Amino acid sequence: NLTYWNNQEYYGFGVGASGYIDNIRYDNTKSLNQYFNGKYVSDEQR
């Protein structure tokens, strides 16, 4: 949790997960169907 609070980068794997990589914050889809079809990320922002 200190990784989050120190604003450090981290992977987010799985449906509904969020991550922060290479100055991009992203949210994975919350849809199982989309996730199963390989459409992992629903939103990202550099």
All heavy atoms as atom14 arrays in JSON, in Angstrom:
{
  "sequence": "NLTYWNNQEYYGFGVGASGYIDNIRYDNTKSLNQYFNGKYVSDEQR",
  "atom14_mask": [
    [1, 1, 1, 1, 1, 1, 1, 1, 0, 0, 0, 0, 0, 0],
    [1, 1, 1, 1, 1, 1, 1, 1, 0, 0, 0, 0, 0, 0],
    [1, 1, 1, 1, 1, 1, 1, 0, 0, 0, 0, 0, 0, 0],
    [1, 1, 1, 1, 1, 1, 1, 1, 1, 1, 1, 1, 0, 0],
    [1, 1, 1, 1, 1, 1, 1, 1, 1, 1, 1, 1, 1, 1],
    [1, 1, 1, 1, 1, 1, 1, 1, 0, 0, 0, 0, 0, 0],
    [1, 1, 1, 1, 1, 1, 1, 1, 0, 0, 0, 0, 0, 0],
    [1, 1, 1, 1, 1, 1, 1, 1, 1, 0, 0, 0, 0, 0],
    [1, 1, 1, 1, 1, 1, 1, 1, 1, 0, 0, 0, 0, 0],
    [1, 1, 1, 1, 1, 1, 1, 1, 1, 1, 1, 1, 0, 0],
    [1, 1, 1, 1, 1, 1, 1, 1, 1, 1, 1, 1, 0, 0],
    [1, 1, 1, 1, 0, 0, 0, 0, 0, 0, 0, 0, 0, 0],
    [1, 1, 1, 1, 1, 1, 1, 1, 1, 1, 1, 0, 0, 0],
    [1, 1, 1, 1, 0, 0, 0, 0, 0, 0, 0, 0, 0, 0],
    [1, 1, 1, 1, 1, 1, 1, 0, 0, 0, 0, 0, 0, 0],
    [1, 1, 1, 1, 0, 0, 0, 0, 0, 0, 0, 0, 0, 0],
    [1, 1, 1, 1, 1, 0, 0, 0, 0, 0, 0, 0, 0, 0],
    [1, 1, 1, 1, 1, 1, 0, 0, 0, 0, 0, 0, 0, 0],
    [1, 1, 1, 1, 0, 0, 0, 0, 0, 0, 0, 0, 0, 0],
    [1, 1, 1, 1, 1, 1, 1, 1, 1, 1, 1, 1, 0, 0],
    [1, 1, 1, 1, 1, 1, 1, 1, 0, 0, 0, 0, 0, 0],
    [1, 1, 1, 1, 1, 1, 1, 1, 0, 0, 0, 0, 0, 0],
    [1, 1, 1, 1, 1, 1, 1, 1, 0, 0, 0, 0, 0, 0],
    [1, 1, 1, 1, 1, 1, 1, 1, 0, 0, 0, 0, 0, 0],
    [1, 1, 1, 1, 1, 1, 1, 1, 1, 1, 1, 0, 0, 0],
    [1, 1, 1, 1, 1, 1, 1, 1, 1, 1, 1, 1, 0, 0],
    [1, 1, 1, 1, 1, 1, 1, 1, 0, 0, 0, 0, 0, 0],
    [1, 1, 1, 1, 1, 1, 1, 1, 0, 0, 0, 0, 0, 0],
    [1, 1, 1, 1, 1, 1, 1, 0, 0, 0, 0, 0, 0, 0],
    [1, 1, 1, 1, 1, 1, 1, 1, 1, 0, 0, 0, 0, 0],
    [1, 1, 1, 1, 1, 1, 0, 0, 0, 0, 0, 0, 0, 0],
    [1, 1, 1, 1, 1, 1, 1, 1, 0, 0, 0, 0, 0, 0],
    [1, 1, 1, 1, 1, 1, 1, 1, 0, 0, 0, 0, 0, 0],
    [1, 1, 1, 1, 1, 1, 1, 1, 1, 0, 0, 0, 0, 0],
    [1, 1, 1, 1, 1, 1, 1, 1, 1, 1, 1, 1, 0, 0],
    [1, 1, 1, 1, 1, 1, 1, 1, 1, 1, 1, 0, 0, 0],
    [1, 1, 1, 1, 1, 1, 1, 1, 0, 0, 0, 0, 0, 0],
    [1, 1, 1, 1, 0, 0, 0, 0, 0, 0, 0, 0, 0, 0],
    [1, 1, 1, 1, 1, 1, 1, 1, 1, 0, 0, 0, 0, 0],
    [1, 1, 1, 1, 1, 1, 1, 1, 1, 1, 1, 1, 0, 0],
    [1, 1, 1, 1, 1, 1, 1, 0, 0, 0, 0, 0, 0, 0],
    [1, 1, 1, 1, 1, 1, 0, 0, 0, 0, 0, 0, 0, 0],
    [1, 1, 1, 1, 1, 1, 1, 1, 0, 0, 0, 0, 0, 0],
    [1, 1, 1, 1, 1, 1, 1, 1, 1, 0, 0, 0, 0, 0],
    [1, 1, 1, 1, 1, 1, 1, 1, 1, 0, 0, 0, 0, 0],
    [1, 1, 1, 1, 1, 1, 1, 1, 1, 1, 1, 0, 0, 0]
  ],
  "atom14_positions": [
    [[0.82, -1.21, 0.0], [0.0, 0.0, 0.0], [0.85, 1.26, 0.0], [0.46, 2.29, -0.55], [-0.96, 0.0, 1.19], [-2.09, -1.0, 0.99], [-2.37, -1.43, -0.13], [-2.75, -1.38, 2.07], [0.0, 0.0, 0.0], [0.0, 0.0, 0.0], [0.0, 0.0, 0.0], [0.0, 0.0, 0.0], [0.0, 0.0, 0.0], [0.0, 0.0, 0.0]],
    [[2.04, 1.19, 0.59], [2.95, 2.33, 0.53], [3.41, 2.6, -0.9], [3.75, 3.73, -1.25], [4.16, 2.1, 1.45], [3.87, 2.32, 2.94], [4.99, 1.75, 3.81], [3.66, 3.81, 3.25], [0.0, 0.0, 0.0], [0.0, 0.0, 0.0], [0.0, 0.0, 0.0], [0.0, 0.0, 0.0], [0.0, 0.0, 0.0], [0.0, 0.0, 0.0]],
    [[3.4, 1.58, -1.75], [3.67, 1.79, -3.17], [2.66, 2.78, -3.75], [3.02, 3.7, -4.49], [3.58, 0.46, -3.95], [4.59, -0.42, -3.48], [3.76, 0.68, -5.44], [0.0, 0.0, 0.0], [0.0, 0.0, 0.0], [0.0, 0.0, 0.0], [0.0, 0.0, 0.0], [0.0, 0.0, 0.0], [0.0, 0.0, 0.0], [0.0, 0.0, 0.0]],
    [[1.39, 2.6, -3.4], [0.36, 3.53, -3.88], [0.58, 4.93, -3.3], [0.56, 5.93, -4.02], [-1.04, 3.05, -3.49], [-1.43, 1.67, -3.93], [-2.29, 0.89, -3.16], [-0.95, 1.12, -5.12], [-2.67, -0.39, -3.57], [-1.33, -0.16, -5.53], [-2.18, -0.91, -4.75], [-2.56, -2.17, -5.15], [0.0, 0.0, 0.0], [0.0, 0.0, 0.0]],
    [[0.73, 4.99, -1.99], [0.81, 6.29, -1.31], [2.1, 7.04, -1.65], [2.14, 8.27, -1.56], [0.67, 6.09, 0.2], [-0.63, 5.43, 0.56], [-1.85, 5.65, -0.02], [-0.85, 4.44, 1.55], [-2.8, 4.84, 0.56], [-2.23, 4.08, 1.53], [-0.02, 3.79, 2.48], [-2.78, 3.13, 2.38], [-0.57, 2.85, 3.33], [-1.93, 2.52, 3.27]],
    [[3.15, 6.31, -2.04], [4.38, 6.95, -2.47], [4.36, 7.28, -3.97], [5.37, 7.72, -4.52], [5.59, 6.07, -2.15], [5.88, 6.02, -0.66], [5.64, 6.98, 0.07], [6.39, 4.89, -0.18], [0.0, 0.0, 0.0], [0.0, 0.0, 0.0], [0.0, 0.0, 0.0], [0.0, 0.0, 0.0], [0.0, 0.0, 0.0], [0.0, 0.0, 0.0]],
    [[3.21, 7.05, -4.61], [3.01, 7.39, -6.01], [4.03, 6.67, -6.91], [4.55, 7.25, -7.87], [3.09, 8.91, -6.22], [2.48, 9.37, -7.53], [1.6, 8.7, -8.08], [2.95, 10.48, -8.05], [0.0, 0.0, 0.0], [0.0, 0.0, 0.0], [0.0, 0.0, 0.0], [0.0, 0.0, 0.0], [0.0, 0.0, 0.0], [0.0, 0.0, 0.0]],
    [[4.29, 5.4, -6.58], [5.2, 4.59, -7.38], [4.41, 3.73, -8.36], [3.22, 3.5, -8.18], [6.06, 3.72, -6.45], [6.97, 4.54, -5.55], [7.58, 3.72, -4.42], [7.0, 2.75, -3.96], [8.75, 4.14, -3.97], [0.0, 0.0, 0.0], [0.0, 0.0, 0.0], [0.0, 0.0, 0.0], [0.0, 0.0, 0.0], [0.0, 0.0, 0.0]],
    [[5.08, 3.24, -9.38], [4.4, 2.49, -10.43], [4.16, 1.03, -10.01], [4.92, 0.47, -9.21], [5.2, 2.56, -11.73], [5.3, 4.0, -12.26], [5.85, 4.08, -13.66], [6.56, 3.14, -14.09], [5.57, 5.08, -14.36], [0.0, 0.0, 0.0], [0.0, 0.0, 0.0], [0.0, 0.0, 0.0], [0.0, 0.0, 0.0], [0.0, 0.0, 0.0]],
    [[3.09, 0.44, -10.57], [2.74, -0.93, -10.21], [1.88, -1.52, -11.33], [1.18, -0.81, -12.06], [1.98, -0.98, -8.88], [0.7, -0.16, -8.87], [-0.53, -0.74, -9.16], [0.74, 1.21, -8.59], [-1.69, 0.01, -9.17], [-0.41, 1.97, -8.61], [-1.63, 1.37, -8.9], [-2.77, 2.13, -8.92], [0.0, 0.0, 0.0], [0.0, 0.0, 0.0]],
    [[1.94, -2.83, -11.44], [1.06, -3.55, -12.36], [-0.31, -3.75, -11.72], [-0.41, -3.97, -10.51], [1.63, -4.93, -12.68], [2.84, -4.96, -13.58], [4.1, -5.26, -13.06], [2.74, -4.72, -14.94], [5.22, -5.31, -13.87], [3.85, -4.77, -15.77], [5.09, -5.06, -15.23], [6.19, -5.11, -16.05], [0.0, 0.0, 0.0], [0.0, 0.0, 0.0]],
    [[-1.35, -3.74, -12.55], [-2.67, -4.17, -12.13], [-3.14, -5.25, -13.09], [-3.32, -4.98, -14.29], [0.0, 0.0, 0.0], [0.0, 0.0, 0.0], [0.0, 0.0, 0.0], [0.0, 0.0, 0.0], [0.0, 0.0, 0.0], [0.0, 0.0, 0.0], [0.0, 0.0, 0.0], [0.0, 0.0, 0.0], [0.0, 0.0, 0.0], [0.0, 0.0, 0.0]],
    [[-3.28, -6.46, -12.6], [-3.7, -7.59, -13.44], [-5.08, -8.06, -13.01], [-5.38, -8.14, -11.82], [-2.73, -8.77, -13.3], [-1.31, -8.48, -13.74], [-0.26, -8.66, -12.85], [-1.04, -8.06, -15.03], [1.05, -8.41, -13.25], [0.27, -7.82, -15.44], [1.31, -7.99, -14.54], [0.0, 0.0, 0.0], [0.0, 0.0, 0.0], [0.0, 0.0, 0.0]],
    [[-5.92, -8.41, -13.99], [-7.23, -8.97, -13.67], [-8.35, -7.99, -13.95], [-8.15, -6.77, -14.06], [0.0, 0.0, 0.0], [0.0, 0.0, 0.0], [0.0, 0.0, 0.0], [0.0, 0.0, 0.0], [0.0, 0.0, 0.0], [0.0, 0.0, 0.0], [0.0, 0.0, 0.0], [0.0, 0.0, 0.0], [0.0, 0.0, 0.0], [0.0, 0.0, 0.0]],
    [[-9.57, -8.51, -14.07], [-10.74, -7.69, -14.35], [-10.93, -6.67, -13.22], [-10.79, -7.0, -12.04], [-11.99, -8.58, -14.53], [-12.38, -9.26, -13.23], [-13.15, -7.79, -15.08], [0.0, 0.0, 0.0], [0.0, 0.0, 0.0], [0.0, 0.0, 0.0], [0.0, 0.0, 0.0], [0.0, 0.0, 0.0], [0.0, 0.0, 0.0], [0.0, 0.0, 0.0]],
    [[-11.16, -5.41, -13.58], [-11.39, -4.38, -12.57], [-10.15, -3.84, -11.9], [-10.23, -2.93, -11.07], [0.0, 0.0, 0.0], [0.0, 0.0, 0.0], [0.0, 0.0, 0.0], [0.0, 0.0, 0.0], [0.0, 0.0, 0.0], [0.0, 0.0, 0.0], [0.0, 0.0, 0.0], [0.0, 0.0, 0.0], [0.0, 0.0, 0.0], [0.0, 0.0, 0.0]],
    [[-8.97, -4.37, -12.22], [-7.73, -3.9, -11.6], [-7.3, -2.57, -12.21], [-7.67, -2.23, -13.34], [-6.62, -4.94, -11.78], [0.0, 0.0, 0.0], [0.0, 0.0, 0.0], [0.0, 0.0, 0.0], [0.0, 0.0, 0.0], [0.0, 0.0, 0.0], [0.0, 0.0, 0.0], [0.0, 0.0, 0.0], [0.0, 0.0, 0.0], [0.0, 0.0, 0.0]],
    [[-6.52, -1.82, -11.44], [-5.92, -0.58, -11.94], [-4.41, -0.69, -11.84], [-3.89, -1.4, -10.98], [-6.4, 0.62, -11.13], [-7.8, 0.77, -11.25], [0.0, 0.0, 0.0], [0.0, 0.0, 0.0], [0.0, 0.0, 0.0], [0.0, 0.0, 0.0], [0.0, 0.0, 0.0], [0.0, 0.0, 0.0], [0.0, 0.0, 0.0], [0.0, 0.0, 0.0]],
    [[-3.7, 0.02, -12.71], [-2.25, 0.0, -12.69], [-1.68, 1.36, -13.04], [-2.4, 2.28, -13.45], [0.0, 0.0, 0.0], [0.0, 0.0, 0.0], [0.0, 0.0, 0.0], [0.0, 0.0, 0.0], [0.0, 0.0, 0.0], [0.0, 0.0, 0.0], [0.0, 0.0, 0.0], [0.0, 0.0, 0.0], [0.0, 0.0, 0.0], [0.0, 0.0, 0.0]],
    [[-0.36, 1.47, -12.89], [0.35, 2.72, -13.17], [1.73, 2.36, -13.7], [2.6, 1.95, -12.93], [0.44, 3.55, -11.88], [1.14, 4.88, -12.0], [1.04, 5.66, -13.15], [1.9, 5.37, -10.93], [1.67, 6.9, -13.23], [2.53, 6.6, -11.0], [2.42, 7.36, -12.16], [3.05, 8.58, -12.24], [0.0, 0.0, 0.0], [0.0, 0.0, 0.0]],
    [[1.9, 2.47, -15.02], [3.13, 2.04, -15.68], [3.56, 3.12, -16.68], [2.75, 3.59, -17.47], [2.93, 0.71, -16.46], [2.37, -0.39, -15.55], [4.24, 0.26, -17.11], [3.33, -0.93, -14.54], [0.0, 0.0, 0.0], [0.0, 0.0, 0.0], [0.0, 0.0, 0.0], [0.0, 0.0, 0.0], [0.0, 0.0, 0.0], [0.0, 0.0, 0.0]],
    [[4.87, 3.48, -16.65], [5.42, 4.43, -17.62], [4.59, 5.72, -17.68], [4.29, 6.24, -18.76], [5.51, 3.8, -19.02], [6.47, 2.63, -19.06], [7.45, 2.64, -18.28], [6.25, 1.71, -19.87], [0.0, 0.0, 0.0], [0.0, 0.0, 0.0], [0.0, 0.0, 0.0], [0.0, 0.0, 0.0], [0.0, 0.0, 0.0], [0.0, 0.0, 0.0]],
    [[4.22, 6.22, -16.51], [3.42, 7.45, -16.37], [2.02, 7.32, -16.97], [1.37, 8.34, -17.24], [4.15, 8.65, -16.98], [5.38, 9.02, -16.18], [5.42, 8.84, -14.97], [6.4, 9.51, -16.87], [0.0, 0.0, 0.0], [0.0, 0.0, 0.0], [0.0, 0.0, 0.0], [0.0, 0.0, 0.0], [0.0, 0.0, 0.0], [0.0, 0.0, 0.0]],
    [[1.55, 6.11, -17.19], [0.19, 5.88, -17.67], [-0.62, 5.2, -16.56], [-0.23, 4.14, -16.07], [0.16, 5.01, -18.94], [0.84, 5.73, -20.11], [-1.27, 4.64, -19.31], [0.99, 4.88, -21.34], [0.0, 0.0, 0.0], [0.0, 0.0, 0.0], [0.0, 0.0, 0.0], [0.0, 0.0, 0.0], [0.0, 0.0, 0.0], [0.0, 0.0, 0.0]],
    [[-1.71, 5.84, -16.15], [-2.64, 5.2, -15.23], [-3.73, 4.53, -16.06], [-4.28, 5.15, -16.97], [-3.26, 6.21, -14.25], [-2.27, 6.7, -13.2], [-2.94, 7.36, -12.03], [-1.95, 7.76, -11.03], [-1.49, 6.97, -10.06], [-1.97, 5.72, -9.95], [-0.6, 7.39, -9.21], [0.0, 0.0, 0.0], [0.0, 0.0, 0.0], [0.0, 0.0, 0.0]],
    [[-4.03, 3.26, -15.73], [-5.03, 2.54, -16.52], [-5.96, 1.76, -15.62], [-5.62, 1.39, -14.49], [-4.34, 1.59, -17.51], [-3.55, 0.46, -16.89], [-4.15, -0.76, -16.58], [-2.19, 0.59, -16.62], [-3.44, -1.81, -16.02], [-1.46, -0.44, -16.06], [-2.08, -1.64, -15.76], [-1.37, -2.67, -15.2], [0.0, 0.0, 0.0], [0.0, 0.0, 0.0]],
    [[-7.18, 1.55, -16.13], [-8.18, 0.74, -15.46], [-8.55, -0.41, -16.39], [-8.87, -0.18, -17.57], [-9.44, 1.56, -15.15], [-9.16, 2.69, -14.18], [-8.5, 2.44, -13.17], [-9.6, 3.82, -14.47], [0.0, 0.0, 0.0], [0.0, 0.0, 0.0], [0.0, 0.0, 0.0], [0.0, 0.0, 0.0], [0.0, 0.0, 0.0], [0.0, 0.0, 0.0]],
    [[-8.54, -1.61, -15.87], [-9.0, -2.76, -16.65], [-10.52, -2.8, -16.7], [-11.2, -2.28, -15.82], [-8.47, -4.06, -16.04], [-7.09, -4.42, -16.54], [-6.47, -3.66, -17.29], [-6.59, -5.58, -16.15], [0.0, 0.0, 0.0], [0.0, 0.0, 0.0], [0.0, 0.0, 0.0], [0.0, 0.0, 0.0], [0.0, 0.0, 0.0], [0.0, 0.0, 0.0]],
    [[-11.03, -3.44, -17.73], [-12.46, -3.6, -17.88], [-13.07, -4.33, -16.68], [-12.41, -5.17, -16.06], [-12.79, -4.38, -19.17], [-14.21, -4.55, -19.25], [-12.13, -5.75, -19.17], [0.0, 0.0, 0.0], [0.0, 0.0, 0.0], [0.0, 0.0, 0.0], [0.0, 0.0, 0.0], [0.0, 0.0, 0.0], [0.0, 0.0, 0.0], [0.0, 0.0, 0.0]],
    [[-14.33, -4.01, -16.38], [-15.07, -4.72, -15.35], [-15.99, -5.78, -15.96], [-16.75, -6.43, -15.23], [-15.88, -3.74, -14.5], [-14.99, -2.8, -13.68], [-15.81, -1.88, -12.79], [-14.9, -0.99, -11.96], [-15.66, -0.09, -11.08], [0.0, 0.0, 0.0], [0.0, 0.0, 0.0], [0.0, 0.0, 0.0], [0.0, 0.0, 0.0], [0.0, 0.0, 0.0]],
    [[-15.9, -5.95, -17.27], [-16.72, -6.93, -17.98], [-15.94, -8.23, -18.16], [-14.87, -8.23, -18.78], [-17.13, -6.38, -19.34], [-17.57, -7.41, -20.2], [0.0, 0.0, 0.0], [0.0, 0.0, 0.0], [0.0, 0.0, 0.0], [0.0, 0.0, 0.0], [0.0, 0.0, 0.0], [0.0, 0.0, 0.0], [0.0, 0.0, 0.0], [0.0, 0.0, 0.0]],
    [[-16.49, -9.33, -17.65], [-15.82, -10.62, -17.85], [-15.75, -10.98, -19.33], [-14.73, -11.5, -19.79], [-16.57, -11.72, -17.07], [-16.3, -11.82, -15.57], [-17.14, -12.94, -14.97], [-14.83, -12.05, -15.27], [0.0, 0.0, 0.0], [0.0, 0.0, 0.0], [0.0, 0.0, 0.0], [0.0, 0.0, 0.0], [0.0, 0.0, 0.0], [0.0, 0.0, 0.0]],
    [[-16.81, -10.7, -20.07], [-16.81, -11.03, -21.5], [-15.69, -10.31, -22.24], [-14.96, -10.91, -23.04], [-18.16, -10.7, -22.15], [-19.23, -11.72, -21.81], [-18.93, -12.88, -21.55], [-20.48, -11.29, -21.81], [0.0, 0.0, 0.0], [0.0, 0.0, 0.0], [0.0, 0.0, 0.0], [0.0, 0.0, 0.0], [0.0, 0.0, 0.0], [0.0, 0.0, 0.0]],
    [[-15.55, -9.01, -22.0], [-14.48, -8.26, -22.64], [-13.11, -8.79, -22.2], [-12.2, -8.92, -23.02], [-14.61, -6.77, -22.31], [-15.75, -6.09, -23.04], [-15.76, -4.58, -22.84], [-14.79, -4.01, -22.35], [-16.85, -3.94, -23.23], [0.0, 0.0, 0.0], [0.0, 0.0, 0.0], [0.0, 0.0, 0.0], [0.0, 0.0, 0.0], [0.0, 0.0, 0.0]],
    [[-13.0, -9.09, -20.91], [-11.72, -9.58, -20.39], [-11.37, -10.92, -21.04], [-10.24, -11.13, -21.5], [-11.8, -9.72, -18.87], [-10.47, -10.06, -18.22], [-9.45, -9.11, -18.15], [-10.24, -11.32, -17.67], [-8.24, -9.42, -17.56], [-9.04, -11.63, -17.07], [-8.04, -10.68, -17.03], [-6.84, -10.98, -16.44], [0.0, 0.0, 0.0], [0.0, 0.0, 0.0]],
    [[-12.35, -11.84, -21.12], [-12.1, -13.14, -21.74], [-11.71, -13.0, -23.21], [-11.01, -13.85, -23.76], [-13.34, -14.03, -21.62], [-13.66, -14.47, -20.21], [-14.93, -14.94, -19.89], [-12.71, -14.41, -19.2], [-15.24, -15.35, -18.6], [-13.01, -14.81, -17.9], [-14.27, -15.28, -17.6], [0.0, 0.0, 0.0], [0.0, 0.0, 0.0], [0.0, 0.0, 0.0]],
    [[-12.16, -11.92, -23.86], [-11.84, -11.69, -25.27], [-10.54, -10.9, -25.45], [-10.23, -10.47, -26.56], [-12.99, -10.96, -25.96], [-14.21, -11.86, -26.17], [-14.06, -13.04, -26.47], [-15.4, -11.31, -25.99], [0.0, 0.0, 0.0], [0.0, 0.0, 0.0], [0.0, 0.0, 0.0], [0.0, 0.0, 0.0], [0.0, 0.0, 0.0], [0.0, 0.0, 0.0]],
    [[-9.8, -10.72, -24.35], [-8.49, -10.08, -24.45], [-8.52, -8.57, -24.48], [-7.49, -7.92, -24.7], [0.0, 0.0, 0.0], [0.0, 0.0, 0.0], [0.0, 0.0, 0.0], [0.0, 0.0, 0.0], [0.0, 0.0, 0.0], [0.0, 0.0, 0.0], [0.0, 0.0, 0.0], [0.0, 0.0, 0.0], [0.0, 0.0, 0.0], [0.0, 0.0, 0.0]],
    [[-9.71, -7.98, -24.24], [-9.82, -6.52, -24.19], [-9.64, -6.1, -22.73], [-10.6, -5.76, -22.03], [-11.16, -6.07, -24.74], [-11.35, -6.46, -26.21], [-12.74, -6.1, -26.7], [-12.95, -6.55, -28.14], [-14.32, -6.3, -28.62], [0.0, 0.0, 0.0], [0.0, 0.0, 0.0], [0.0, 0.0, 0.0], [0.0, 0.0, 0.0], [0.0, 0.0, 0.0]],
    [[-8.39, -6.13, -22.27], [-8.1, -5.98, -20.84], [-8.37, -4.55, -20.33], [-9.02, -4.35, -19.31], [-6.66, -6.35, -20.55], [-6.25, -7.71, -21.06], [-5.1, -7.87, -21.84], [-7.01, -8.84, -20.8], [-4.71, -9.11, -22.31], [-6.64, -10.09, -21.27], [-5.49, -10.22, -22.03], [-5.13, -11.45, -22.51], [0.0, 0.0, 0.0], [0.0, 0.0, 0.0]],
    [[-7.85, -3.57, -21.05], [-7.87, -2.19, -20.54], [-9.1, -1.46, -21.07], [-9.38, -1.48, -22.27], [-6.59, -1.44, -20.96], [-6.65, 0.02, -20.52], [-5.35, -2.13, -20.35], [0.0, 0.0, 0.0], [0.0, 0.0, 0.0], [0.0, 0.0, 0.0], [0.0, 0.0, 0.0], [0.0, 0.0, 0.0], [0.0, 0.0, 0.0], [0.0, 0.0, 0.0]],
    [[-9.83, -0.8, -20.17], [-11.01, -0.02, -20.58], [-10.69, 1.46, -20.66], [-11.37, 2.2, -21.38], [-12.16, -0.25, -19.6], [-11.83, 0.22, -18.31], [0.0, 0.0, 0.0], [0.0, 0.0, 0.0], [0.0, 0.0, 0.0], [0.0, 0.0, 0.0], [0.0, 0.0, 0.0], [0.0, 0.0, 0.0], [0.0, 0.0, 0.0], [0.0, 0.0, 0.0]],
    [[-9.67, 1.91, -19.92], [-9.39, 3.34, -19.88], [-7.93, 3.54, -19.48], [-7.41, 2.82, -18.62], [-10.31, 4.03, -18.86], [-10.05, 5.52, -18.78], [-10.27, 6.21, -19.78], [-9.62, 5.99, -17.71], [0.0, 0.0, 0.0], [0.0, 0.0, 0.0], [0.0, 0.0, 0.0], [0.0, 0.0, 0.0], [0.0, 0.0, 0.0], [0.0, 0.0, 0.0]],
    [[-7.27, 4.49, -20.13], [-5.9, 4.82, -19.73], [-5.64, 6.3, -19.98], [-6.25, 6.92, -20.85], [-4.87, 3.95, -20.46], [-4.82, 4.09, -21.96], [-3.77, 3.18, -22.58], [-3.44, 2.14, -21.98], [-3.28, 3.53, -23.67], [0.0, 0.0, 0.0], [0.0, 0.0, 0.0], [0.0, 0.0, 0.0], [0.0, 0.0, 0.0], [0.0, 0.0, 0.0]],
    [[-4.72, 6.84, -19.16], [-4.4, 8.26, -19.27], [-2.91, 8.46, -19.02], [-2.38, 8.04, -17.98], [-5.19, 9.06, -18.23], [-4.87, 10.55, -18.23], [-5.51, 11.29, -17.08], [-6.05, 10.68, -16.16], [-5.44, 12.61, -17.1], [0.0, 0.0, 0.0], [0.0, 0.0, 0.0], [0.0, 0.0, 0.0], [0.0, 0.0, 0.0], [0.0, 0.0, 0.0]],
    [[-2.24, 9.08, -19.99], [-0.83, 9.43, -19.81], [-0.76, 10.72, -19.0], [-1.37, 11.72, -19.36], [-0.12, 9.59, -21.14], [1.36, 9.96, -20.98], [2.09, 9.97, -22.3], [2.18, 8.64, -22.87], [3.1, 7.74, -22.53], [3.99, 8.02, -21.59], [3.11, 6.55, -23.11], [0.0, 0.0, 0.0], [0.0, 0.0, 0.0], [0.0, 0.0, 0.0]]
  ]
}
